[in-house]
Structures are given as structure tokens and as C-alpha cells.
Amino acid sequence: MSSPQLLPNRILVEIAEQDREKIFKQIITSTAGQDFLLIKDRQAPSHTDKFYSQTVNLGRVLQVHPHCRQVQVDDVVLFDNMVDTDPLIVFESSQFRKKVVLQESHSYHTDDYLIPPSGKQLRPQSVWKKGDLEDMSRILAIFRQGKLICPESYVIAEYHDDEQDVRRYQGLIHDTERLSAVSRTIKATHSSSSLSPGNRVLVQADRILTYDFAEHKFDVFFEEDVLMQY
């Protein structure tokens, strides 16, 4: 199949066969030095919850629209897990390999939209205003020649496990809990961010997403979820 004619603000990304196979297969080496193929899991049916946990969330960029400014060809992009389960964005697919078309950056409304008065509604009702967010990009991080790049509106921070033991009056560990607001050290920010790498921030814990890439673990969240910098 030939390459697509991409629309503005669109990129073509390949989800590689080897990345998908890591979910289901693993090579293990015996003490004698012999390699064996271990089948870790079977692909779950698409109507089950388990199907959505067997997803790949990174891919290599094959093509970009000329107007794209954040992403370049051969970048590796990290995206949300729902990309791998969305049939509407698939350009080409086989059993383990897939090409998808993604939106490079967020899009915003270019005008106001009002619903005119009708019935008991005496005044026009605003649905959106010029500059309001229309569609969000699913790209969460960009990797280019060993460098971590943060896309628009996101913040990338060092990973930290915030769970702590809860001790009852007997002194025994009863459970674990996570704080509602946690501290993070910034690793990367987007070009127009008011934050800088190395800053310490307080952020809403339930808004943090944790990802692994190339044996590194880091947290991603929206800049607007930062409560304070200190």
C-alpha cells in the first residue's frame, strides 16, 4: 500500500511487530545457554476488558504533514493506550504490525458557536468560543536521538511511587494509600511552558499517568494540573 496523502496536523506512525510481540512472547535463556520461546499470554477477544490491556503505546513516525512543527520523521512517539484499539485511525494493519494516522497537536475552534433562542431559552446559548479546545492530540511524549521532548500542554516528570503504608492504632500495616497531591521534579516541558526542567511542583495525584520506555520510567500530566511550584 502506498503512503497516504496526509491532511494538515496529521502524522503516520508505525506500531512495530517486535513491540507487540513483547506483550505475548519472551525469549528466556537456560543455565546451559540455550534460548527458549516463552508464550506469556494469548490475544484476548476484542469484546473483553483484557483486550484493552494488551496494547502498544509507542511507535515510529514514518511520515508527517509539511506543516507539522513538533514531530519529525523517525521520531518515536508515546501515545495513550486507546490508540492501539481505535479502528477509525488505522491506515494499514496485519496481525502484529499496524500503521495509524494521529493528530500531531491539539486543534482549537476558530470561531464562536451559539445556539439561537428557542422555546423557553430566551438568550443565545454558547456552545464554544473561539480558541476553545476542539480535539486533543493523543501524543504524550516524543523521543528524538536519545532526547525526551514534551509536546504541547503536557509536563514530563521523574517517576516516584507515592503509595505509603497506613498503620492503625495497633501499629500493624493495614493498607496502602496514595496522597491526593504529590511532589514531582520536572524532566521536560513544552516550548511555551512557564515551567523548566529541574523545577519542583505539586500536582494532583489522580491526574498523573506513568509510562515505561527504554527501561526508563516517568510521569506525564497536564501543566494545568500543577497546583504550585516551589
C-alpha atoms as a PDB file:
ATOM      1  CA  MET A   1       0.000   0.000   0.000  1.00  0.00           C
ATOM      2  CA  SER A   2       1.326   3.454  -0.916  1.00  0.00           C
ATOM      3  CA  SER A   3       1.889   6.256   1.593  1.00  0.00           C
ATOM      4  CA  PRO A   4      -1.201   8.340   2.409  1.00  0.00           C
ATOM      5  CA  GLN A   5      -1.709  11.975   1.449  1.00  0.00           C
ATOM      6  CA  LEU A   6      -1.786  13.354   4.986  1.00  0.00           C
ATOM      7  CA  LEU A   7      -4.091  16.170   5.993  1.00  0.00           C
ATOM      8  CA  PRO A   8      -2.697  19.154   7.951  1.00  0.00           C
ATOM      9  CA  ASN A   9      -1.743  18.366  11.550  1.00  0.00           C
ATOM     10  CA  ARG A  10      -1.513  14.620  10.836  1.00  0.00           C
ATOM     11  CA  ILE A  11       1.357  12.112  11.107  1.00  0.00           C
ATOM     12  CA  LEU A  12       1.704   8.462  10.083  1.00  0.00           C
ATOM     13  CA  VAL A  13       3.022   6.171  12.842  1.00  0.00           C
ATOM     14  CA  GLU A  14       4.034   2.513  12.697  1.00  0.00           C
ATOM     15  CA  ILE A  15       3.428   0.211  15.649  1.00  0.00           C
ATOM     16  CA  ALA A  16       6.198  -2.339  15.165  1.00  0.00           C
ATOM     17  CA  GLU A  17       5.757  -6.091  15.220  1.00  0.00           C
ATOM     18  CA  GLN A  18       8.520  -6.585  17.798  1.00  0.00           C
ATOM     19  CA  ASP A  19       6.864  -4.167  20.236  1.00  0.00           C
ATOM     20  CA  ARG A  20       3.569  -6.031  20.007  1.00  0.00           C
ATOM     21  CA  GLU A  21       5.213  -9.432  20.310  1.00  0.00           C
ATOM     22  CA  LYS A  22       6.782  -8.381  23.629  1.00  0.00           C
ATOM     23  CA  ILE A  23       3.261  -8.479  25.110  1.00  0.00           C
ATOM     24  CA  PHE A  24       2.773 -12.130  24.215  1.00  0.00           C
ATOM     25  CA  LYS A  25       6.256 -13.654  23.840  1.00  0.00           C
ATOM     26  CA  GLN A  26       9.602 -13.618  25.628  1.00  0.00           C
ATOM     27  CA  ILE A  27      12.954 -15.286  24.931  1.00  0.00           C
ATOM     28  CA  ILE A  28      14.457 -16.890  28.030  1.00  0.00           C
ATOM     29  CA  THR A  29      17.922 -18.394  28.313  1.00  0.00           C
ATOM     30  CA  SER A  30      18.587 -21.569  30.280  1.00  0.00           C
ATOM     31  CA  THR A  31      21.599 -22.112  32.534  1.00  0.00           C
ATOM     32  CA  ALA A  32      23.111 -24.122  29.666  1.00  0.00           C
ATOM     33  CA  GLY A  33      22.926 -21.042  27.423  1.00  0.00           C
ATOM     34  CA  GLN A  34      20.083 -22.323  25.236  1.00  0.00           C
ATOM     35  CA  ASP A  35      17.290 -19.905  24.234  1.00  0.00           C
ATOM     36  CA  PHE A  36      13.618 -20.846  24.575  1.00  0.00           C
ATOM     37  CA  LEU A  37      10.499 -19.018  23.404  1.00  0.00           C
ATOM     38  CA  LEU A  38       8.080 -18.392  26.277  1.00  0.00           C
ATOM     39  CA  ILE A  39       4.444 -17.664  25.395  1.00  0.00           C
ATOM     40  CA  LYS A  40       3.396 -15.218  28.120  1.00  0.00           C
ATOM     41  CA  ASP A  41      -0.178 -14.638  27.011  1.00  0.00           C
ATOM     42  CA  ARG A  42      -2.741 -15.138  24.286  1.00  0.00           C
ATOM     43  CA  GLN A  43      -4.515 -12.322  22.494  1.00  0.00           C
ATOM     44  CA  ALA A  44      -7.847 -11.717  24.200  1.00  0.00           C
ATOM     45  CA  PRO A  45     -11.104 -11.267  22.253  1.00  0.00           C
ATOM     46  CA  SER A  46     -11.892  -7.642  21.372  1.00  0.00           C
ATOM     47  CA  HIS A  47     -15.075  -7.587  23.497  1.00  0.00           C
ATOM     48  CA  THR A  48     -13.199  -8.320  26.761  1.00  0.00           C
ATOM     49  CA  ASP A  49     -11.537  -5.955  29.236  1.00  0.00           C
ATOM     50  CA  LYS A  50      -8.251  -7.836  28.898  1.00  0.00           C
ATOM     51  CA  PHE A  51      -8.052  -6.874  25.213  1.00  0.00           C
ATOM     52  CA  TYR A  52      -7.567  -3.228  26.196  1.00  0.00           C
ATOM     53  CA  SER A  53      -4.650  -4.080  28.495  1.00  0.00           C
ATOM     54  CA  GLN A  54      -2.765  -5.797  25.652  1.00  0.00           C
ATOM     55  CA  THR A  55      -1.948  -2.582  23.846  1.00  0.00           C
ATOM     56  CA  VAL A  56       1.228  -0.975  22.491  1.00  0.00           C
ATOM     57  CA  ASN A  57       1.635   2.728  23.323  1.00  0.00           C
ATOM     58  CA  LEU A  58       4.632   3.746  21.211  1.00  0.00           C
ATOM     59  CA  GLY A  59       5.536   3.838  17.543  1.00  0.00           C
ATOM     60  CA  ARG A  60       7.971   5.223  14.979  1.00  0.00           C
ATOM     61  CA  VAL A  61       6.982   8.198  12.818  1.00  0.00           C
ATOM     62  CA  LEU A  62       7.034   7.322   9.105  1.00  0.00           C
ATOM     63  CA  GLN A  63       5.563  10.484   7.584  1.00  0.00           C
ATOM     64  CA  VAL A  64       4.475  13.966   8.673  1.00  0.00           C
ATOM     65  CA  HIS A  65       2.490  16.726   7.003  1.00  0.00           C
ATOM     66  CA  PRO A  66       4.810  19.581   5.921  1.00  0.00           C
ATOM     67  CA  HIS A  67       3.091  21.989   8.339  1.00  0.00           C
ATOM     68  CA  CYS A  68       3.788  19.838  11.410  1.00  0.00           C
ATOM     69  CA  ARG A  69       6.223  21.515  13.812  1.00  0.00           C
ATOM     70  CA  GLN A  70       6.575  19.224  16.846  1.00  0.00           C
ATOM     71  CA  VAL A  71       7.183  15.786  15.324  1.00  0.00           C
ATOM     72  CA  GLN A  72       9.748  14.679  12.734  1.00  0.00           C
ATOM     73  CA  VAL A  73      10.196  11.535  10.640  1.00  0.00           C
ATOM     74  CA  ASP A  74      11.973   8.750  12.610  1.00  0.00           C
ATOM     75  CA  ASP A  75      10.894  10.174  15.976  1.00  0.00           C
ATOM     76  CA  VAL A  76       9.457   7.642  18.414  1.00  0.00           C
ATOM     77  CA  VAL A  77       6.205   8.893  19.917  1.00  0.00           C
ATOM     78  CA  LEU A  78       4.453   7.755  23.074  1.00  0.00           C
ATOM     79  CA  PHE A  79       0.659   7.873  22.864  1.00  0.00           C
ATOM     80  CA  ASP A  80      -2.296   6.906  25.017  1.00  0.00           C
ATOM     81  CA  ASN A  81      -3.317   3.242  25.147  1.00  0.00           C
ATOM     82  CA  MET A  82      -6.586   3.780  23.263  1.00  0.00           C
ATOM     83  CA  VAL A  83      -4.697   4.478  20.012  1.00  0.00           C
ATOM     84  CA  ASP A  84      -3.965   0.774  19.573  1.00  0.00           C
ATOM     85  CA  THR A  85      -7.659  -0.130  19.902  1.00  0.00           C
ATOM     86  CA  ASP A  86      -9.179   2.602  17.710  1.00  0.00           C
ATOM     87  CA  PRO A  87     -10.178   1.180  14.293  1.00  0.00           C
ATOM     88  CA  LEU A  88     -11.001   4.620  12.852  1.00  0.00           C
ATOM     89  CA  ILE A  89      -7.366   5.780  12.660  1.00  0.00           C
ATOM     90  CA  VAL A  90      -5.844   2.621  11.161  1.00  0.00           C
ATOM     91  CA  PHE A  91      -4.207   3.103   7.759  1.00  0.00           C
ATOM     92  CA  GLU A  92      -2.782  -0.405   7.391  1.00  0.00           C
ATOM     93  CA  SER A  93      -2.827  -3.451   9.647  1.00  0.00           C
ATOM     94  CA  SER A  94      -1.641  -7.051   9.855  1.00  0.00           C
ATOM     95  CA  GLN A  95      -1.627  -9.497  12.760  1.00  0.00           C
ATOM     96  CA  PHE A  96       1.209  -7.834  14.676  1.00  0.00           C
ATOM     97  CA  ARG A  97       2.059  -4.707  12.658  1.00  0.00           C
ATOM     98  CA  LYS A  98      -0.055  -1.598  12.300  1.00  0.00           C
ATOM     99  CA  LYS A  99       0.131   1.913  10.819  1.00  0.00           C
ATOM    100  CA  VAL A 100      -2.068   4.621  12.289  1.00  0.00           C
ATOM    101  CA  VAL A 101      -2.717   8.278  11.466  1.00  0.00           C
ATOM    102  CA  LEU A 102      -2.512  10.561  14.510  1.00  0.00           C
ATOM    103  CA  GLN A 103      -3.177  14.213  15.159  1.00  0.00           C
ATOM    104  CA  GLU A 104       0.164  15.894  15.862  1.00  0.00           C
ATOM    105  CA  SER A 105      -1.037  18.735  18.110  1.00  0.00           C
ATOM    106  CA  HIS A 106      -4.253  19.959  19.690  1.00  0.00           C
ATOM    107  CA  SER A 107      -6.745  21.787  17.482  1.00  0.00           C
ATOM    108  CA  TYR A 108      -8.800  24.789  18.584  1.00  0.00           C
ATOM    109  CA  HIS A 109     -12.072  26.331  17.449  1.00  0.00           C
ATOM    110  CA  THR A 110     -11.618  29.199  15.027  1.00  0.00           C
ATOM    111  CA  ASP A 111     -14.941  30.912  15.767  1.00  0.00           C
ATOM    112  CA  ASP A 112     -17.751  31.190  18.313  1.00  0.00           C
ATOM    113  CA  TYR A 113     -20.756  28.888  18.134  1.00  0.00           C
ATOM    114  CA  LEU A 114     -24.082  29.960  19.611  1.00  0.00           C
ATOM    115  CA  ILE A 115     -27.417  28.155  19.727  1.00  0.00           C
ATOM    116  CA  PRO A 116     -30.103  30.727  18.918  1.00  0.00           C
ATOM    117  CA  PRO A 117     -33.010  31.341  21.333  1.00  0.00           C
ATOM    118  CA  SER A 118     -35.851  28.836  21.088  1.00  0.00           C
ATOM    119  CA  GLY A 119     -38.821  27.914  23.255  1.00  0.00           C
ATOM    120  CA  LYS A 120     -38.088  28.832  26.858  1.00  0.00           C
ATOM    121  CA  GLN A 121     -34.471  29.595  26.011  1.00  0.00           C
ATOM    122  CA  LEU A 122     -34.647  33.395  25.722  1.00  0.00           C
ATOM    123  CA  ARG A 123     -30.953  34.049  25.138  1.00  0.00           C
ATOM    124  CA  PRO A 124     -28.417  32.512  22.771  1.00  0.00           C
ATOM    125  CA  GLN A 125     -26.505  29.668  24.420  1.00  0.00           C
ATOM    126  CA  SER A 126     -22.738  29.459  23.913  1.00  0.00           C
ATOM    127  CA  VAL A 127     -21.508  26.003  22.894  1.00  0.00           C
ATOM    128  CA  TRP A 128     -17.889  27.034  22.382  1.00  0.00           C
ATOM    129  CA  LYS A 129     -15.842  30.149  21.907  1.00  0.00           C
ATOM    130  CA  LYS A 130     -13.013  30.969  19.539  1.00  0.00           C
ATOM    131  CA  GLY A 131      -9.802  29.487  20.959  1.00  0.00           C
ATOM    132  CA  ASP A 132     -11.526  26.707  22.958  1.00  0.00           C
ATOM    133  CA  LEU A 133     -10.037  23.220  22.615  1.00  0.00           C
ATOM    134  CA  GLU A 134     -11.639  21.214  19.802  1.00  0.00           C
ATOM    135  CA  ASP A 135      -9.633  17.974  19.523  1.00  0.00           C
ATOM    136  CA  MET A 136      -6.772  16.727  21.677  1.00  0.00           C
ATOM    137  CA  SER A 137      -3.662  15.105  20.311  1.00  0.00           C
ATOM    138  CA  ARG A 138      -3.017  11.636  21.711  1.00  0.00           C
ATOM    139  CA  ILE A 139       0.758  12.098  21.667  1.00  0.00           C
ATOM    140  CA  LEU A 140       2.155  12.262  25.220  1.00  0.00           C
ATOM    141  CA  ALA A 141       5.925  12.331  24.619  1.00  0.00           C
ATOM    142  CA  ILE A 142       8.440  12.417  21.764  1.00  0.00           C
ATOM    143  CA  PHE A 143      11.841  10.694  21.683  1.00  0.00           C
ATOM    144  CA  ARG A 144      14.413  12.030  19.212  1.00  0.00           C
ATOM    145  CA  GLN A 145      18.011  10.772  19.094  1.00  0.00           C
ATOM    146  CA  GLY A 146      18.020   9.936  22.801  1.00  0.00           C
ATOM    147  CA  LYS A 147      16.353  13.198  23.815  1.00  0.00           C
ATOM    148  CA  LEU A 148      12.980  13.367  25.547  1.00  0.00           C
ATOM    149  CA  ILE A 149      10.715  16.086  24.093  1.00  0.00           C
ATOM    150  CA  CYS A 150       7.473  17.208  25.686  1.00  0.00           C
ATOM    151  CA  PRO A 151       4.511  18.022  23.405  1.00  0.00           C
ATOM    152  CA  GLU A 152       2.147  20.949  23.796  1.00  0.00           C
ATOM    153  CA  SER A 153       0.289  21.348  27.140  1.00  0.00           C
ATOM    154  CA  TYR A 154       1.984  18.339  28.829  1.00  0.00           C
ATOM    155  CA  VAL A 155       4.670  18.093  31.503  1.00  0.00           C
ATOM    156  CA  ILE A 156       7.044  15.140  31.892  1.00  0.00           C
ATOM    157  CA  ALA A 157       8.393  14.471  35.391  1.00  0.00           C
ATOM    158  CA  GLU A 158      10.569  11.975  37.208  1.00  0.00           C
ATOM    159  CA  TYR A 159       8.684   8.900  38.367  1.00  0.00           C
ATOM    160  CA  HIS A 160       8.017   8.406  42.046  1.00  0.00           C
ATOM    161  CA  ASP A 161       5.967   5.753  43.840  1.00  0.00           C
ATOM    162  CA  ASP A 162       3.612   7.663  46.138  1.00  0.00           C
ATOM    163  CA  GLU A 163       1.941   4.738  47.866  1.00  0.00           C
ATOM    164  CA  GLN A 164       2.542   4.653  51.598  1.00  0.00           C
ATOM    165  CA  ASP A 165       1.633   2.211  54.319  1.00  0.00           C
ATOM    166  CA  VAL A 166      -1.313   3.064  56.561  1.00  0.00           C
ATOM    167  CA  ARG A 167      -0.773   1.993  60.175  1.00  0.00           C
ATOM    168  CA  ARG A 168      -3.675   1.574  62.564  1.00  0.00           C
ATOM    169  CA  TYR A 169      -3.529   2.036  66.345  1.00  0.00           C
ATOM    170  CA  GLN A 170      -2.142  -1.478  66.873  1.00  0.00           C
ATOM    171  CA  GLY A 171       0.898  -0.414  64.809  1.00  0.00           C
ATOM    172  CA  LEU A 172       0.241  -3.012  62.099  1.00  0.00           C
ATOM    173  CA  ILE A 173       0.240  -2.132  58.411  1.00  0.00           C
ATOM    174  CA  HIS A 174      -3.412  -2.253  57.446  1.00  0.00           C
ATOM    175  CA  ASP A 175      -3.408  -0.914  53.897  1.00  0.00           C
ATOM    176  CA  THR A 176      -1.700   1.396  51.455  1.00  0.00           C
ATOM    177  CA  GLU A 177      -2.945   4.739  50.222  1.00  0.00           C
ATOM    178  CA  ARG A 178      -1.899   7.451  47.791  1.00  0.00           C
ATOM    179  CA  LEU A 179      -1.833  11.135  48.615  1.00  0.00           C
ATOM    180  CA  SER A 180      -4.205  13.440  46.744  1.00  0.00           C
ATOM    181  CA  ALA A 181      -1.404  15.884  45.869  1.00  0.00           C
ATOM    182  CA  VAL A 182       2.205  14.833  45.314  1.00  0.00           C
ATOM    183  CA  SER A 183       5.577  16.416  44.580  1.00  0.00           C
ATOM    184  CA  ARG A 184       7.411  15.908  41.282  1.00  0.00           C
ATOM    185  CA  THR A 185      10.651  17.091  39.667  1.00  0.00           C
ATOM    186  CA  ILE A 186      10.211  18.245  36.068  1.00  0.00           C
ATOM    187  CA  LYS A 187      12.220  16.424  33.364  1.00  0.00           C
ATOM    188  CA  ALA A 188      10.864  18.142  30.233  1.00  0.00           C
ATOM    189  CA  THR A 189       8.311  20.813  29.270  1.00  0.00           C
ATOM    190  CA  HIS A 190       6.857  22.138  26.030  1.00  0.00           C
ATOM    191  CA  SER A 191       8.295  25.239  24.358  1.00  0.00           C
ATOM    192  CA  SER A 192       5.738  27.750  25.717  1.00  0.00           C
ATOM    193  CA  SER A 193       5.601  26.349  29.266  1.00  0.00           C
ATOM    194  CA  SER A 194       6.094  28.544  32.323  1.00  0.00           C
ATOM    195  CA  LEU A 195       7.952  25.619  33.960  1.00  0.00           C
ATOM    196  CA  SER A 196      11.519  24.440  33.378  1.00  0.00           C
ATOM    197  CA  PRO A 197      13.368  21.116  33.824  1.00  0.00           C
ATOM    198  CA  GLY A 198      14.506  20.777  37.437  1.00  0.00           C
ATOM    199  CA  ASN A 199      11.540  22.696  38.890  1.00  0.00           C
ATOM    200  CA  ARG A 200       9.707  21.089  41.818  1.00  0.00           C
ATOM    201  CA  VAL A 201       5.916  21.160  41.571  1.00  0.00           C
ATOM    202  CA  LEU A 202       2.896  19.968  43.488  1.00  0.00           C
ATOM    203  CA  VAL A 203       0.426  18.147  41.238  1.00  0.00           C
ATOM    204  CA  GLN A 204      -2.903  16.329  41.562  1.00  0.00           C
ATOM    205  CA  ALA A 205      -2.016  12.652  42.012  1.00  0.00           C
ATOM    206  CA  ASP A 206      -5.040  11.254  40.181  1.00  0.00           C
ATOM    207  CA  ARG A 207      -4.084  13.193  37.028  1.00  0.00           C
ATOM    208  CA  ILE A 208      -0.659  11.538  36.660  1.00  0.00           C
ATOM    209  CA  LEU A 209      -0.005   8.812  34.062  1.00  0.00           C
ATOM    210  CA  THR A 210       3.086   6.614  34.429  1.00  0.00           C
ATOM    211  CA  TYR A 211       4.919   5.101  31.440  1.00  0.00           C
ATOM    212  CA  ASP A 212       7.963   2.937  30.747  1.00  0.00           C
ATOM    213  CA  PHE A 213      10.232   3.498  27.757  1.00  0.00           C
ATOM    214  CA  ALA A 214      13.684   2.046  27.063  1.00  0.00           C
ATOM    215  CA  GLU A 215      13.986   0.893  30.701  1.00  0.00           C
ATOM    216  CA  HIS A 216      13.139   4.387  31.962  1.00  0.00           C
ATOM    217  CA  LYS A 217      10.010   5.205  33.941  1.00  0.00           C
ATOM    218  CA  PHE A 218       8.482   8.682  34.030  1.00  0.00           C
ATOM    219  CA  ASP A 219       5.237  10.511  34.785  1.00  0.00           C
ATOM    220  CA  VAL A 220       3.150  12.590  32.367  1.00  0.00           C
ATOM    221  CA  PHE A 221       0.431  15.112  33.246  1.00  0.00           C
ATOM    222  CA  PHE A 222      -1.173  18.320  32.007  1.00  0.00           C
ATOM    223  CA  GLU A 223       0.515  21.555  33.003  1.00  0.00           C
ATOM    224  CA  GLU A 224      -2.862  22.879  34.181  1.00  0.00           C
ATOM    225  CA  ASP A 225      -2.942  20.096  36.808  1.00  0.00           C
ATOM    226  CA  VAL A 226       0.078  21.630  38.562  1.00  0.00           C
ATOM    227  CA  LEU A 227      -1.141  23.175  41.814  1.00  0.00           C
ATOM    228  CA  MET A 228       2.003  25.131  42.684  1.00  0.00           C
ATOM    229  CA  GLN A 229       5.722  25.457  42.023  1.00  0.00           C
ATOM    230  CA  TYR A 230       8.242  25.635  44.878  1.00  0.00           C
END
